Amino acid sequence: GSVERMHQTMWDGMSLFVVLDMILVASHALAAGIFLQVLSPQTWRIAGLLVALYIARSADARGKIHARLARLYDRHHNQAAAAGIACLMGGCPIEAVISQAKARFRSVPFEKLSLH
């Protein structure tokens, strides 16, 4: 549908930006090499831009990166929840527990809500 088309257009635009930036960096590096006889520090950007281009062109790579970031977030979230429970059981003042809860609370999925 239109969402998939929008995502594809976004990643195509990102790819175009990265390719144009690579051309700019490569031409700068080439000019520095020819006229100044030095290796431009900007040359190293090409490696990062190649990685960015791969990510922009590969839905599989984006999915793997997203899954890895989600696991990191879940791990942090679980540790924070465990710390909150430990705080409750360890005799922390209720104000400290409420303060931690307010700082960590983000949202509740709609599916988890019920009238009972």
N, C-alpha and C. Protein backbone atom coordinates (compact mmCIF):
# COMPACT_ATOMS: atom_id res chain seq x y z
N GLY A 1 0.80 -1.19 0.00
CA GLY A 1 0.00 0.00 0.00
C GLY A 1 0.85 1.25 0.00
N SER A 2 0.23 2.32 0.38
CA SER A 2 0.90 3.62 0.33
C SER A 2 2.01 3.75 1.36
N VAL A 3 1.89 3.06 2.50
CA VAL A 3 2.94 3.13 3.52
C VAL A 3 4.22 2.49 3.00
N GLU A 4 4.08 1.34 2.38
CA GLU A 4 5.26 0.67 1.83
C GLU A 4 5.90 1.52 0.73
N ARG A 5 5.06 2.15 -0.09
CA ARG A 5 5.58 3.01 -1.15
C ARG A 5 6.32 4.21 -0.56
N MET A 6 5.75 4.78 0.52
CA MET A 6 6.39 5.91 1.18
C MET A 6 7.75 5.50 1.76
N HIS A 7 7.80 4.34 2.41
CA HIS A 7 9.08 3.85 2.96
C HIS A 7 10.10 3.65 1.85
N GLN A 8 9.67 3.03 0.75
CA GLN A 8 10.60 2.79 -0.35
C GLN A 8 11.09 4.11 -0.93
N THR A 9 10.21 5.09 -1.08
CA THR A 9 10.60 6.40 -1.59
C THR A 9 11.60 7.07 -0.65
N MET A 10 11.35 6.94 0.66
CA MET A 10 12.27 7.52 1.65
C MET A 10 13.66 6.89 1.52
N TRP A 11 13.72 5.55 1.44
CA TRP A 11 15.01 4.88 1.35
C TRP A 11 15.69 5.15 0.01
N ASP A 12 14.90 5.31 -1.06
CA ASP A 12 15.48 5.68 -2.35
C ASP A 12 16.10 7.08 -2.26
N GLY A 13 15.41 8.00 -1.60
CA GLY A 13 15.94 9.34 -1.40
C GLY A 13 17.21 9.33 -0.57
N MET A 14 17.21 8.51 0.48
CA MET A 14 18.41 8.38 1.32
C MET A 14 19.57 7.82 0.50
N SER A 15 19.29 6.84 -0.34
CA SER A 15 20.33 6.26 -1.19
C SER A 15 20.91 7.30 -2.13
N LEU A 16 20.05 8.10 -2.73
CA LEU A 16 20.50 9.15 -3.63
C LEU A 16 21.39 10.15 -2.90
N PHE A 17 20.96 10.56 -1.70
CA PHE A 17 21.76 11.49 -0.90
C PHE A 17 23.14 10.90 -0.61
N VAL A 18 23.18 9.64 -0.21
CA VAL A 18 24.46 9.00 0.14
C VAL A 18 25.35 8.90 -1.09
N VAL A 19 24.79 8.52 -2.24
CA VAL A 19 25.60 8.41 -3.46
C VAL A 19 26.15 9.78 -3.85
N LEU A 20 25.33 10.82 -3.79
CA LEU A 20 25.81 12.16 -4.12
C LEU A 20 26.89 12.62 -3.15
N ASP A 21 26.72 12.30 -1.87
CA ASP A 21 27.74 12.65 -0.88
C ASP A 21 29.03 11.89 -1.15
N MET A 22 28.93 10.62 -1.55
CA MET A 22 30.13 9.85 -1.87
C MET A 22 30.87 10.46 -3.05
N ILE A 23 30.11 10.92 -4.05
CA ILE A 23 30.74 11.55 -5.21
C ILE A 23 31.47 12.83 -4.78
N LEU A 24 30.83 13.60 -3.93
CA LEU A 24 31.44 14.84 -3.44
C LEU A 24 32.71 14.54 -2.64
N VAL A 25 32.63 13.57 -1.74
CA VAL A 25 33.80 13.23 -0.91
C VAL A 25 34.92 12.66 -1.78
N ALA A 26 34.56 11.81 -2.74
CA ALA A 26 35.58 11.22 -3.60
C ALA A 26 36.26 12.29 -4.46
N SER A 27 35.48 13.23 -4.97
CA SER A 27 36.09 14.29 -5.79
C SER A 27 36.98 15.19 -4.93
N HIS A 28 36.57 15.45 -3.70
CA HIS A 28 37.41 16.24 -2.78
C HIS A 28 38.71 15.50 -2.49
N ALA A 29 38.59 14.21 -2.21
CA ALA A 29 39.78 13.41 -1.91
C ALA A 29 40.72 13.34 -3.13
N LEU A 30 40.13 13.20 -4.31
CA LEU A 30 40.93 13.14 -5.53
C LEU A 30 41.65 14.46 -5.76
N ALA A 31 40.94 15.57 -5.59
CA ALA A 31 41.56 16.88 -5.77
C ALA A 31 42.67 17.10 -4.76
N ALA A 32 42.45 16.72 -3.50
CA ALA A 32 43.49 16.87 -2.48
C ALA A 32 44.70 16.02 -2.82
N GLY A 33 44.46 14.83 -3.35
CA GLY A 33 45.57 13.96 -3.72
C GLY A 33 46.36 14.50 -4.90
N ILE A 34 45.66 15.02 -5.89
CA ILE A 34 46.34 15.51 -7.10
C ILE A 34 47.05 16.84 -6.83
N PHE A 35 46.34 17.79 -6.26
CA PHE A 35 46.89 19.14 -6.14
C PHE A 35 47.73 19.36 -4.88
N LEU A 36 47.37 18.69 -3.80
CA LEU A 36 48.10 18.92 -2.55
C LEU A 36 49.01 17.76 -2.17
N GLN A 37 48.91 16.68 -2.90
CA GLN A 37 49.72 15.49 -2.64
C GLN A 37 49.51 14.95 -1.22
N VAL A 38 48.26 15.01 -0.73
CA VAL A 38 47.94 14.48 0.60
C VAL A 38 46.68 13.62 0.50
N LEU A 39 46.57 12.74 1.46
CA LEU A 39 45.35 11.93 1.58
C LEU A 39 44.39 12.69 2.48
N SER A 40 43.28 13.07 1.93
CA SER A 40 42.30 13.85 2.69
C SER A 40 41.69 13.00 3.81
N PRO A 41 41.56 13.56 5.01
CA PRO A 41 40.88 12.82 6.08
C PRO A 41 39.44 12.49 5.72
N GLN A 42 38.85 13.26 4.80
CA GLN A 42 37.49 13.00 4.36
C GLN A 42 37.37 11.66 3.63
N THR A 43 38.48 11.14 3.16
CA THR A 43 38.46 9.87 2.42
C THR A 43 37.84 8.76 3.26
N TRP A 44 38.05 8.79 4.57
CA TRP A 44 37.52 7.75 5.45
C TRP A 44 36.00 7.77 5.52
N ARG A 45 35.40 8.92 5.17
CA ARG A 45 33.94 9.00 5.15
C ARG A 45 33.33 8.05 4.14
N ILE A 46 34.08 7.74 3.09
CA ILE A 46 33.55 6.86 2.05
C ILE A 46 33.18 5.50 2.64
N ALA A 47 33.99 4.99 3.57
CA ALA A 47 33.67 3.70 4.19
C ALA A 47 32.33 3.77 4.93
N GLY A 48 32.14 4.82 5.70
CA GLY A 48 30.88 4.98 6.42
C GLY A 48 29.71 5.18 5.47
N LEU A 49 29.94 5.90 4.38
CA LEU A 49 28.88 6.11 3.40
C LEU A 49 28.52 4.82 2.68
N LEU A 50 29.50 3.95 2.46
CA LEU A 50 29.20 2.65 1.86
C LEU A 50 28.31 1.82 2.78
N VAL A 51 28.59 1.86 4.07
CA VAL A 51 27.74 1.16 5.04
C VAL A 51 26.33 1.75 5.03
N ALA A 52 26.25 3.08 5.01
CA ALA A 52 24.94 3.75 4.97
C ALA A 52 24.17 3.38 3.70
N LEU A 53 24.88 3.29 2.58
CA LEU A 53 24.23 2.91 1.32
C LEU A 53 23.72 1.48 1.39
N TYR A 54 24.51 0.59 1.96
CA TYR A 54 24.07 -0.80 2.12
C TYR A 54 22.80 -0.88 2.96
N ILE A 55 22.79 -0.14 4.07
CA ILE A 55 21.62 -0.15 4.95
C ILE A 55 20.41 0.43 4.22
N ALA A 56 20.61 1.52 3.49
CA ALA A 56 19.50 2.15 2.78
C ALA A 56 18.93 1.25 1.68
N ARG A 57 19.76 0.42 1.08
CA ARG A 57 19.31 -0.43 -0.02
C ARG A 57 18.86 -1.81 0.44
N SER A 58 19.12 -2.20 1.68
CA SER A 58 18.83 -3.57 2.14
C SER A 58 17.79 -3.57 3.25
N ALA A 59 16.58 -3.98 2.92
CA ALA A 59 15.52 -4.08 3.93
C ALA A 59 15.90 -5.13 4.98
N ASP A 60 16.61 -6.16 4.57
CA ASP A 60 17.03 -7.20 5.51
C ASP A 60 17.99 -6.63 6.55
N ALA A 61 18.94 -5.82 6.10
CA ALA A 61 19.89 -5.20 7.04
C ALA A 61 19.16 -4.28 8.01
N ARG A 62 18.21 -3.48 7.49
CA ARG A 62 17.44 -2.59 8.37
C ARG A 62 16.64 -3.39 9.39
N GLY A 63 16.09 -4.52 8.97
CA GLY A 63 15.34 -5.37 9.90
C GLY A 63 16.22 -5.93 11.00
N LYS A 64 17.43 -6.35 10.63
CA LYS A 64 18.36 -6.89 11.63
C LYS A 64 18.79 -5.81 12.62
N ILE A 65 19.05 -4.61 12.11
CA ILE A 65 19.45 -3.50 12.99
C ILE A 65 18.30 -3.15 13.92
N HIS A 66 17.10 -3.10 13.39
CA HIS A 66 15.92 -2.79 14.21
C HIS A 66 15.74 -3.84 15.30
N ALA A 67 15.88 -5.11 14.95
CA ALA A 67 15.73 -6.18 15.94
C ALA A 67 16.80 -6.07 17.03
N ARG A 68 18.01 -5.75 16.65
CA ARG A 68 19.10 -5.61 17.64
C ARG A 68 18.82 -4.45 18.59
N LEU A 69 18.38 -3.32 18.04
CA LEU A 69 18.06 -2.17 18.89
C LEU A 69 16.88 -2.48 19.81
N ALA A 70 15.90 -3.22 19.31
CA ALA A 70 14.75 -3.60 20.14
C ALA A 70 15.19 -4.50 21.29
N ARG A 71 16.11 -5.43 21.01
CA ARG A 71 16.61 -6.31 22.08
C ARG A 71 17.36 -5.50 23.13
N LEU A 72 18.16 -4.53 22.69
CA LEU A 72 18.89 -3.68 23.64
C LEU A 72 17.91 -2.89 24.51
N TYR A 73 16.86 -2.35 23.88
CA TYR A 73 15.86 -1.61 24.63
C TYR A 73 15.15 -2.52 25.63
N ASP A 74 14.74 -3.71 25.17
CA ASP A 74 14.05 -4.65 26.06
C ASP A 74 14.91 -5.04 27.24
N ARG A 75 16.19 -5.26 27.00
CA ARG A 75 17.10 -5.63 28.08
C ARG A 75 17.16 -4.50 29.11
N HIS A 76 17.30 -3.26 28.64
CA HIS A 76 17.34 -2.11 29.54
C HIS A 76 16.02 -1.98 30.30
N HIS A 77 14.92 -2.14 29.59
CA HIS A 77 13.59 -2.03 30.19
C HIS A 77 13.41 -3.09 31.28
N ASN A 78 13.83 -4.31 31.00
CA ASN A 78 13.70 -5.39 31.99
C ASN A 78 14.57 -5.13 33.22
N GLN A 79 15.77 -4.61 33.01
CA GLN A 79 16.64 -4.29 34.14
C GLN A 79 16.04 -3.18 34.98
N ALA A 80 15.44 -2.18 34.33
CA ALA A 80 14.82 -1.07 35.07
C ALA A 80 13.63 -1.57 35.87
N ALA A 81 12.84 -2.46 35.29
CA ALA A 81 11.69 -3.02 36.02
C ALA A 81 12.17 -3.83 37.22
N ALA A 82 13.20 -4.62 37.02
CA ALA A 82 13.73 -5.41 38.13
C ALA A 82 14.27 -4.50 39.24
N ALA A 83 14.91 -3.41 38.86
CA ALA A 83 15.42 -2.47 39.85
C ALA A 83 14.28 -1.83 40.64
N GLY A 84 13.18 -1.52 39.94
CA GLY A 84 12.02 -0.95 40.62
C GLY A 84 11.41 -1.91 41.62
N ILE A 85 11.30 -3.17 41.25
CA ILE A 85 10.77 -4.19 42.16
C ILE A 85 11.70 -4.37 43.35
N ALA A 86 12.99 -4.40 43.08
CA ALA A 86 13.97 -4.53 44.17
C ALA A 86 13.85 -3.35 45.11
N CYS A 87 13.62 -2.17 44.56
CA CYS A 87 13.47 -0.97 45.37
C CYS A 87 12.24 -1.09 46.28
N LEU A 88 11.15 -1.59 45.71
CA LEU A 88 9.93 -1.77 46.51
C LEU A 88 10.15 -2.78 47.63
N MET A 89 10.80 -3.88 47.31
CA MET A 89 11.00 -4.94 48.29
C MET A 89 12.11 -4.60 49.27
N GLY A 90 13.00 -3.71 48.87
CA GLY A 90 14.14 -3.38 49.71
C GLY A 90 13.89 -2.25 50.68
N GLY A 91 12.67 -1.77 50.74
CA GLY A 91 12.34 -0.75 51.71
C GLY A 91 12.65 0.66 51.28
N CYS A 92 12.74 0.90 49.98
CA CYS A 92 12.93 2.26 49.48
C CYS A 92 11.71 3.10 49.84
N PRO A 93 11.89 4.38 50.09
CA PRO A 93 10.73 5.23 50.36
C PRO A 93 9.80 5.27 49.15
N ILE A 94 8.50 5.32 49.40
CA ILE A 94 7.52 5.30 48.32
C ILE A 94 7.73 6.45 47.35
N GLU A 95 8.20 7.59 47.84
CA GLU A 95 8.45 8.73 46.96
C GLU A 95 9.52 8.39 45.91
N ALA A 96 10.55 7.66 46.34
CA ALA A 96 11.61 7.27 45.41
C ALA A 96 11.08 6.29 44.37
N VAL A 97 10.23 5.36 44.81
CA VAL A 97 9.65 4.38 43.90
C VAL A 97 8.76 5.09 42.87
N ILE A 98 7.91 6.02 43.34
CA ILE A 98 7.03 6.75 42.43
C ILE A 98 7.85 7.61 41.47
N SER A 99 8.89 8.22 41.95
CA SER A 99 9.75 9.04 41.09
C SER A 99 10.37 8.18 39.99
N GLN A 100 10.86 6.99 40.35
CA GLN A 100 11.44 6.08 39.35
C GLN A 100 10.38 5.64 38.36
N ALA A 101 9.19 5.33 38.85
CA ALA A 101 8.11 4.87 37.97
C ALA A 101 7.74 5.96 36.97
N LYS A 102 7.63 7.19 37.43
CA LYS A 102 7.29 8.31 36.52
C LYS A 102 8.38 8.51 35.48
N ALA A 103 9.61 8.36 35.88
CA ALA A 103 10.73 8.57 34.94
C ALA A 103 10.78 7.47 33.89
N ARG A 104 10.32 6.27 34.22
CA ARG A 104 10.45 5.13 33.31
C ARG A 104 9.19 4.83 32.51
N PHE A 105 8.04 5.29 32.96
CA PHE A 105 6.79 4.95 32.29
C PHE A 105 6.73 5.62 30.92
N ARG A 106 6.43 4.84 29.88
CA ARG A 106 6.33 5.38 28.53
C ARG A 106 4.91 5.22 27.99
N SER A 107 4.41 3.99 27.92
CA SER A 107 3.08 3.75 27.37
C SER A 107 2.63 2.35 27.72
N VAL A 108 1.35 2.12 27.53
CA VAL A 108 0.77 0.80 27.71
C VAL A 108 0.11 0.44 26.39
N PRO A 109 0.46 -0.72 25.80
CA PRO A 109 -0.18 -1.10 24.54
C PRO A 109 -1.70 -1.21 24.71
N PHE A 110 -2.45 -0.77 23.72
CA PHE A 110 -3.90 -0.77 23.79
C PHE A 110 -4.45 -2.17 24.06
N GLU A 111 -3.81 -3.20 23.50
CA GLU A 111 -4.27 -4.58 23.68
C GLU A 111 -4.22 -5.03 25.14
N LYS A 112 -3.37 -4.37 25.95
CA LYS A 112 -3.21 -4.76 27.35
C LYS A 112 -4.30 -4.17 28.25
N LEU A 113 -5.06 -3.21 27.74
CA LEU A 113 -6.10 -2.57 28.52
C LEU A 113 -7.37 -3.41 28.52
N SER A 114 -8.04 -3.46 29.66
CA SER A 114 -9.32 -4.17 29.73
C SER A 114 -10.21 -3.48 30.76
N LEU A 115 -11.50 -3.77 30.70
CA LEU A 115 -12.45 -3.18 31.63
C LEU A 115 -12.51 -3.95 32.95
N HIS A 116 -11.92 -5.10 33.04
CA HIS A 116 -12.03 -5.95 34.24
C HIS A 116 -10.80 -5.82 35.12
